[in-house]
C-alpha atoms as a PDB file:
ATOM      1  CA  MET A   1       0.000   0.000   0.000  1.00  0.00           C
ATOM      2  CA  LYS A   2       1.323   3.410  -0.979  1.00  0.00           C
ATOM      3  CA  LEU A   3      -0.330   6.656   0.063  1.00  0.00           C
ATOM      4  CA  LYS A   4      -0.062   9.668  -2.231  1.00  0.00           C
ATOM      5  CA  LEU A   5      -0.339  13.404  -1.543  1.00  0.00           C
ATOM      6  CA  ASP A   6      -0.336  15.860  -4.441  1.00  0.00           C
ATOM      7  CA  LEU A   7       0.188  19.450  -3.269  1.00  0.00           C
ATOM      8  CA  HIS A   8      -0.368  21.159  -6.636  1.00  0.00           C
ATOM      9  CA  ASP A   9      -3.831  22.447  -5.662  1.00  0.00           C
ATOM     10  CA  ILE A  10      -2.769  24.026  -2.356  1.00  0.00           C
ATOM     11  CA  TYR A  11       0.783  25.173  -3.146  1.00  0.00           C
ATOM     12  CA  ASN A  12       0.159  28.731  -1.881  1.00  0.00           C
ATOM     13  CA  LYS A  13      -1.974  27.979   1.197  1.00  0.00           C
ATOM     14  CA  GLY A  14       0.405  27.574   4.141  1.00  0.00           C
ATOM     15  CA  GLN A  15      -2.001  26.204   6.753  1.00  0.00           C
ATOM     16  CA  SER A  16      -3.597  23.825   4.248  1.00  0.00           C
ATOM     17  CA  ILE A  17      -0.183  22.421   3.333  1.00  0.00           C
ATOM     18  CA  ASP A  18       0.644  21.671   6.975  1.00  0.00           C
ATOM     19  CA  ARG A  19      -2.792  20.114   7.566  1.00  0.00           C
ATOM     20  CA  ALA A  20      -2.481  17.948   4.449  1.00  0.00           C
ATOM     21  CA  LEU A  21       0.997  16.770   5.452  1.00  0.00           C
ATOM     22  CA  GLN A  22      -0.085  16.017   9.026  1.00  0.00           C
ATOM     23  CA  GLY A  23      -3.162  14.207   7.707  1.00  0.00           C
ATOM     24  CA  ILE A  24      -1.200  11.930   5.374  1.00  0.00           C
ATOM     25  CA  ILE A  25       1.350  11.148   8.121  1.00  0.00           C
ATOM     26  CA  ASP A  26      -1.484  10.299  10.542  1.00  0.00           C
ATOM     27  CA  GLU A  27      -3.152   8.118   7.889  1.00  0.00           C
ATOM     28  CA  ALA A  28       0.109   6.255   7.203  1.00  0.00           C
ATOM     29  CA  VAL A  29       0.579   5.577  10.912  1.00  0.00           C
ATOM     30  CA  ALA A  30      -3.026   4.410  11.339  1.00  0.00           C
ATOM     31  CA  LYS A  31      -2.889   2.107   8.296  1.00  0.00           C
ATOM     32  CA  ARG A  32       0.750   1.104   8.869  1.00  0.00           C
ATOM     33  CA  ALA A  33       1.516   2.068   5.276  1.00  0.00           C
ATOM     34  CA  PRO A  34       5.118   1.416   4.215  1.00  0.00           C
ATOM     35  CA  LEU A  35       5.357   4.406   1.858  1.00  0.00           C
ATOM     36  CA  ILE A  36       4.001   7.905   1.224  1.00  0.00           C
ATOM     37  CA  GLU A  37       4.606   9.634  -2.094  1.00  0.00           C
ATOM     38  CA  ILE A  38       4.465  13.433  -1.745  1.00  0.00           C
ATOM     39  CA  ILE A  39       4.327  15.546  -4.892  1.00  0.00           C
ATOM     40  CA  PRO A  40       5.202  19.197  -4.263  1.00  0.00           C
ATOM     41  CA  GLY A  41       5.910  19.696  -7.960  1.00  0.00           C
ATOM     42  CA  LYS A  42       8.973  21.183  -9.590  1.00  0.00           C
ATOM     43  CA  GLY A  43       8.374  24.960  -9.631  1.00  0.00           C
ATOM     44  CA  SER A  44      10.867  27.137  -7.761  1.00  0.00           C
ATOM     45  CA  GLY A  45      11.584  24.472  -5.140  1.00  0.00           C
ATOM     46  CA  GLN A  46      10.144  26.514  -2.258  1.00  0.00           C
ATOM     47  CA  LEU A  47       7.228  24.139  -1.648  1.00  0.00           C
ATOM     48  CA  LYS A  48       9.573  21.134  -1.625  1.00  0.00           C
ATOM     49  CA  LYS A  49      11.772  22.916   0.943  1.00  0.00           C
ATOM     50  CA  ARG A  50       8.706  23.618   3.085  1.00  0.00           C
ATOM     51  CA  VAL A  51       7.655  19.950   2.923  1.00  0.00           C
ATOM     52  CA  ILE A  52      11.157  18.816   3.916  1.00  0.00           C
ATOM     53  CA  ARG A  53      11.207  21.292   6.832  1.00  0.00           C
ATOM     54  CA  PHE A  54       7.847  19.917   7.984  1.00  0.00           C
ATOM     55  CA  LEU A  55       9.083  16.322   7.745  1.00  0.00           C
ATOM     56  CA  GLU A  56      12.277  17.132   9.644  1.00  0.00           C
ATOM     57  CA  GLN A  57      10.453  18.382  12.727  1.00  0.00           C
ATOM     58  CA  LYS A  58      11.511  16.246  15.681  1.00  0.00           C
ATOM     59  CA  GLU A  59       8.050  14.833  16.456  1.00  0.00           C
ATOM     60  CA  ILE A  60       7.320  14.020  12.788  1.00  0.00           C
ATOM     61  CA  LYS A  61      10.765  12.561  12.068  1.00  0.00           C
ATOM     62  CA  ALA A  62      10.299  10.109  14.940  1.00  0.00           C
ATOM     63  CA  LEU A  63       7.367   8.529  13.066  1.00  0.00           C
ATOM     64  CA  TYR A  64       9.095   7.523   9.823  1.00  0.00           C
ATOM     65  CA  HIS A  65      12.218   5.573   8.872  1.00  0.00           C
ATOM     66  CA  ARG A  66      13.721   7.643   6.038  1.00  0.00           C
ATOM     67  CA  LEU A  67      13.055  10.390   3.516  1.00  0.00           C
ATOM     68  CA  GLU A  68      14.034   9.854  -0.109  1.00  0.00           C
ATOM     69  CA  LYS A  69      14.246  12.468  -2.850  1.00  0.00           C
ATOM     70  CA  ASP A  70      13.349  10.958  -6.220  1.00  0.00           C
ATOM     71  CA  SER A  71      16.502  11.022  -8.355  1.00  0.00           C
ATOM     72  CA  LYS A  72      14.497  10.846 -11.599  1.00  0.00           C
ATOM     73  CA  ASN A  73      11.799  13.394 -10.715  1.00  0.00           C
ATOM     74  CA  PHE A  74      12.834  16.544  -8.794  1.00  0.00           C
ATOM     75  CA  GLY A  75       9.193  17.233  -7.859  1.00  0.00           C
ATOM     76  CA  ARG A  76       8.613  14.088  -5.827  1.00  0.00           C
ATOM     77  CA  LEU A  77       9.531  12.822  -2.337  1.00  0.00           C
ATOM     78  CA  PHE A  78       9.099   9.422  -0.724  1.00  0.00           C
ATOM     79  CA  VAL A  79       8.634   8.902   3.005  1.00  0.00           C
ATOM     80  CA  HIS A  80       9.452   5.329   4.063  1.00  0.00           C
ATOM     81  CA  PHE A  81       8.088   3.726   7.215  1.00  0.00           C
ATOM     82  CA  ARG A  82       9.341   0.626   9.007  1.00  0.00           C
ATOM     83  CA  TRP A  83       6.758  -1.237  11.069  1.00  0.00           C
ATOM     84  CA  LYS A  84       7.558  -4.019  13.541  1.00  0.00           C
END
């Protein structure tokens, strides 16, 4: 199971971005999903930086195993979870 979050529609709405990111993280934890695909898009890179800053918060980082930047598509991130 892979969860997917496309941020194209809310790229300029700060609070909505944070809520969407928190929601997908919460959903992954609840469903024990192994992977989230987050699509901030290519653009200027500011949205991707914001997403990475969100994911690197101490309390969020504790929930997932690793963050991967897609080497073939600059506008995509993968968040990997490891469940016991």
